[in-house]
Protein backbone atom coordinates (compact mmCIF):
# COMPACT_ATOMS: atom_id res chain seq x y z
CA UNK A 1 0.00 0.00 0.00
CA UNK A 2 1.39 3.43 -0.97
CA UNK A 3 2.46 5.59 1.93
CA UNK A 4 0.36 8.70 2.33
CA UNK A 5 2.27 11.88 1.46
CA UNK A 6 2.96 14.27 4.32
CA UNK A 7 0.35 17.06 4.43
CA UNK A 8 2.89 19.84 4.67
CA UNK A 9 5.04 18.53 1.86
CA UNK A 10 1.85 18.41 -0.23
CA UNK A 11 1.22 22.07 0.67
CA UNK A 12 4.79 23.07 -0.23
CA UNK A 13 4.56 21.20 -3.53
CA UNK A 14 1.37 23.12 -4.35
CA UNK A 15 2.93 26.47 -3.44
CA UNK A 16 6.00 25.68 -5.55
CA UNK A 17 3.86 24.58 -8.52
CA UNK A 18 1.90 27.86 -8.39
CA UNK A 19 5.15 29.82 -8.14
CA UNK A 20 6.65 27.96 -11.11
CA UNK A 21 3.54 28.55 -13.22
CA UNK A 22 3.58 32.26 -12.34
CA UNK A 23 7.31 32.62 -13.14
CA UNK A 24 6.82 30.89 -16.50
CA UNK A 25 3.87 33.15 -17.32
CA UNK A 26 5.87 36.20 -16.28
CA UNK A 27 8.80 35.14 -18.47
CA UNK A 28 6.82 34.11 -21.54
CA UNK A 29 4.13 36.81 -21.75
CA UNK A 30 4.61 39.20 -24.66
CA UNK A 31 3.68 42.86 -24.13
CA UNK A 32 2.43 44.66 -27.24
CA UNK A 33 -0.05 47.30 -26.03
CA UNK A 34 -1.69 48.82 -22.96
CA UNK A 35 -4.39 46.14 -22.90
CA UNK A 36 -1.67 43.47 -22.73
CA UNK A 37 -0.24 45.24 -19.69
CA UNK A 38 -3.61 45.10 -17.94
CA UNK A 39 -4.08 41.39 -18.73
CA UNK A 40 -0.51 40.67 -17.61
CA UNK A 41 -0.91 42.50 -14.30
CA UNK A 42 -4.32 40.97 -13.55
CA UNK A 43 -3.12 37.42 -14.28
CA UNK A 44 -0.10 37.88 -12.01
CA UNK A 45 -2.46 39.14 -9.29
CA UNK A 46 -4.46 35.90 -9.67
CA UNK A 47 -1.30 33.85 -9.08
CA UNK A 48 -0.45 35.99 -6.06
CA UNK A 49 -3.96 35.63 -4.60
CA UNK A 50 -3.83 31.85 -5.06
CA UNK A 51 -0.45 31.89 -3.31
CA UNK A 52 -1.96 33.77 -0.35
CA UNK A 53 -4.69 31.13 -0.07
CA UNK A 54 -2.10 28.33 -0.08
CA UNK A 55 -0.05 30.09 2.59
CA UNK A 56 -3.17 30.46 4.74
CA UNK A 57 -3.79 26.70 4.49
CA UNK A 58 -0.25 25.98 5.71
CA UNK A 59 -0.51 28.33 8.70
CA UNK A 60 -3.93 26.92 9.63
CA UNK A 61 -2.71 23.32 9.49
CA UNK A 62 0.50 24.17 11.37
CA UNK A 63 -1.61 25.66 14.14
CA UNK A 64 -3.58 22.42 14.44
CA UNK A 65 -0.70 19.96 13.93
CA UNK A 66 0.69 18.00 16.88
CA UNK A 67 3.69 16.50 15.05
CA UNK A 68 5.36 17.69 11.83
CA UNK A 69 7.90 15.89 9.63
CA UNK A 70 10.39 18.76 9.96
CA UNK A 71 10.32 21.61 12.47
CA UNK A 72 7.19 23.71 12.14
CA UNK A 73 9.32 26.87 12.15
CA UNK A 74 11.17 25.59 9.07
CA UNK A 75 7.91 24.77 7.28
CA UNK A 76 6.57 28.25 8.03
CA UNK A 77 9.84 29.99 7.07
CA UNK A 78 10.06 28.11 3.77
CA UNK A 79 6.39 28.85 3.04
CA UNK A 80 6.82 32.58 3.66
CA UNK A 81 10.09 32.70 1.69
CA UNK A 82 8.40 31.11 -1.33
CA UNK A 83 5.54 33.58 -1.01
CA UNK A 84 8.03 36.48 -0.99
CA UNK A 85 9.22 35.40 -4.46
CA UNK A 86 5.67 35.33 -5.79
CA UNK A 87 4.85 38.69 -4.20
CA UNK A 88 7.97 40.14 -5.81
CA UNK A 89 7.02 38.86 -9.25
CA UNK A 90 3.48 40.22 -8.91
CA UNK A 91 4.76 43.60 -7.73
CA UNK A 92 7.14 43.87 -10.68
CA UNK A 93 4.31 43.04 -13.08
CA UNK A 94 2.26 45.83 -11.51
CA UNK A 95 5.15 48.26 -12.13
CA UNK A 96 5.07 47.46 -15.84
CA UNK A 97 1.39 48.39 -15.94
CA UNK A 98 1.70 51.41 -13.65
CA UNK A 99 4.53 52.89 -15.73
CA UNK A 100 3.08 51.68 -19.08
CA UNK A 101 6.37 49.95 -19.91
CA UNK A 102 6.08 47.94 -23.12
CA UNK A 103 9.76 47.87 -24.06
CA UNK A 104 11.41 44.90 -22.38
CA UNK A 105 15.16 45.30 -22.83
CA UNK A 106 17.96 42.72 -22.83
CA UNK A 107 18.71 43.30 -19.14
CA UNK A 108 15.12 42.64 -18.08
CA UNK A 109 15.11 39.49 -20.20
CA UNK A 110 18.31 38.27 -18.53
CA UNK A 111 16.90 38.97 -15.06
CA UNK A 112 13.66 37.16 -15.86
CA UNK A 113 15.48 34.17 -17.36
CA UNK A 114 17.64 33.89 -14.23
CA UNK A 115 14.58 34.11 -11.97
CA UNK A 116 12.81 31.45 -14.01
CA UNK A 117 15.85 29.16 -13.62
CA UNK A 118 15.96 29.86 -9.87
CA UNK A 119 12.31 28.89 -9.51
CA UNK A 120 12.96 25.69 -11.50
CA UNK A 121 15.79 24.77 -9.12
CA UNK A 122 13.59 25.56 -6.11
CA UNK A 123 10.80 23.38 -7.50
CA UNK A 124 13.23 20.46 -7.92
CA UNK A 125 14.45 20.99 -4.37
CA UNK A 126 10.88 20.93 -3.02
CA UNK A 127 10.33 17.57 -4.80
CA UNK A 128 13.46 16.22 -3.11
CA UNK A 129 12.33 17.58 0.26
CA UNK A 130 8.98 15.82 -0.17
CA UNK A 131 10.87 12.59 -0.94
CA UNK A 132 13.13 13.26 2.09
CA UNK A 133 16.24 13.22 -0.12
CA UNK A 134 17.73 16.08 1.83
CA UNK A 135 21.39 15.96 0.81
CA UNK A 136 20.44 16.06 -2.89
CA UNK A 137 18.79 19.44 -2.28
CA UNK A 138 22.18 21.14 -1.78
CA UNK A 139 23.03 20.98 -5.50
CA UNK A 140 19.94 23.02 -6.34
CA UNK A 141 20.55 25.49 -3.51
CA UNK A 142 24.05 26.12 -4.88
CA UNK A 143 22.69 26.75 -8.38
CA UNK A 144 20.20 29.29 -7.01
CA UNK A 145 22.99 31.15 -5.23
CA UNK A 146 25.08 31.19 -8.42
CA UNK A 147 22.15 32.65 -10.37
CA UNK A 148 21.56 35.27 -7.69
CA UNK A 149 25.23 36.29 -7.88
CA UNK A 150 24.85 36.79 -11.64
CA UNK A 151 21.82 39.00 -10.97
CA UNK A 152 23.94 41.15 -8.63
CA UNK A 153 26.37 41.75 -11.49
CA UNK A 154 23.50 42.28 -13.90
CA UNK A 155 22.01 44.99 -11.69
CA UNK A 156 25.27 46.95 -11.71
CA UNK A 157 25.71 46.66 -15.49
CA UNK A 158 22.05 47.43 -16.25
CA UNK A 159 22.01 50.63 -14.20
CA UNK A 160 25.38 51.73 -15.58
CA UNK A 161 24.09 51.21 -19.14
CA UNK A 162 20.81 52.99 -18.33
CA UNK A 163 22.60 56.16 -17.18
CA UNK A 164 24.90 56.05 -20.21
CA UNK A 165 22.23 55.79 -22.91
CA UNK A 166 18.93 57.11 -21.53
CA UNK A 167 18.27 60.84 -21.54
CA UNK A 168 14.68 60.85 -20.23
CA UNK A 169 14.89 61.19 -16.40
CA UNK A 170 11.41 59.69 -15.93
CA UNK A 171 12.36 56.60 -17.89
CA UNK A 172 15.58 56.30 -15.89
CA UNK A 173 13.59 56.26 -12.64
CA UNK A 174 11.10 53.70 -13.99
CA UNK A 175 13.63 51.30 -15.48
CA UNK A 176 15.96 51.53 -12.47
CA UNK A 177 13.10 50.58 -10.16
CA UNK A 178 12.19 47.60 -12.34
CA UNK A 179 15.82 46.42 -12.46
CA UNK A 180 16.07 46.72 -8.67
CA UNK A 181 12.79 44.86 -8.17
CA UNK A 182 13.94 42.03 -10.42
CA UNK A 183 17.23 41.74 -8.51
CA UNK A 184 15.28 41.68 -5.25
CA UNK A 185 13.29 38.68 -6.53
CA UNK A 186 16.62 36.90 -7.08
CA UNK A 187 17.53 37.81 -3.47
CA UNK A 188 14.29 36.19 -2.30
CA UNK A 189 15.27 33.06 -4.25
CA UNK A 190 18.62 33.00 -2.45
CA UNK A 191 16.81 33.28 0.89
CA UNK A 192 14.90 30.11 -0.04
CA UNK A 193 18.21 28.41 -0.89
CA UNK A 194 19.57 29.41 2.53
CA UNK A 195 16.45 28.00 4.20
CA UNK A 196 17.01 24.69 2.38
CA UNK A 197 20.58 24.63 3.74
CA UNK A 198 19.27 25.20 7.26
CA UNK A 199 16.77 22.35 6.89
CA UNK A 200 19.51 20.03 5.59
CA UNK A 201 21.78 20.85 8.54
CA UNK A 202 19.03 20.11 11.06
CA UNK A 203 17.63 16.94 9.49
CA UNK A 204 20.18 15.18 7.24
């Protein structure tokens, strides 16, 4: 008889799946006009709202749980860290609509591709956590940190380039904020990687 999957690992798998779907949508959506911006922002808000519902389910079940497979603080921390990534993606999408930004430059594309890869690595790590293959998670945590480091470099080069080529001060402010938001999402991904490392140290 198949062993029943741990409730909290099921929750984390669902949160990660929603995050992955949202990151893929964010990366693949093509902006052509103002209506596209509205659709883009509203869809990202749907992902974020679903994420909030999933987080609420975790906190409710943690409150009622007597025993958990890993420390309840680690489950809650990982849940909130994953939600931070999704909140960051949704907030960045809202900036595109608020500033009516339709031109996605090479730097934004590189940021988004790195974030998408981070979320893929996180999703693989969550699968391994659910299977209790803790030591195998480290490989994915390392990859996330490497991607975040590249985003640090990308932020510096993107802002330097922006001030070199852009003459419109309003556009400078808008693009700089978007670059910084995208880099912050990568920081949130690294925080998840650090949480994985903490869980490995306590349980492996």
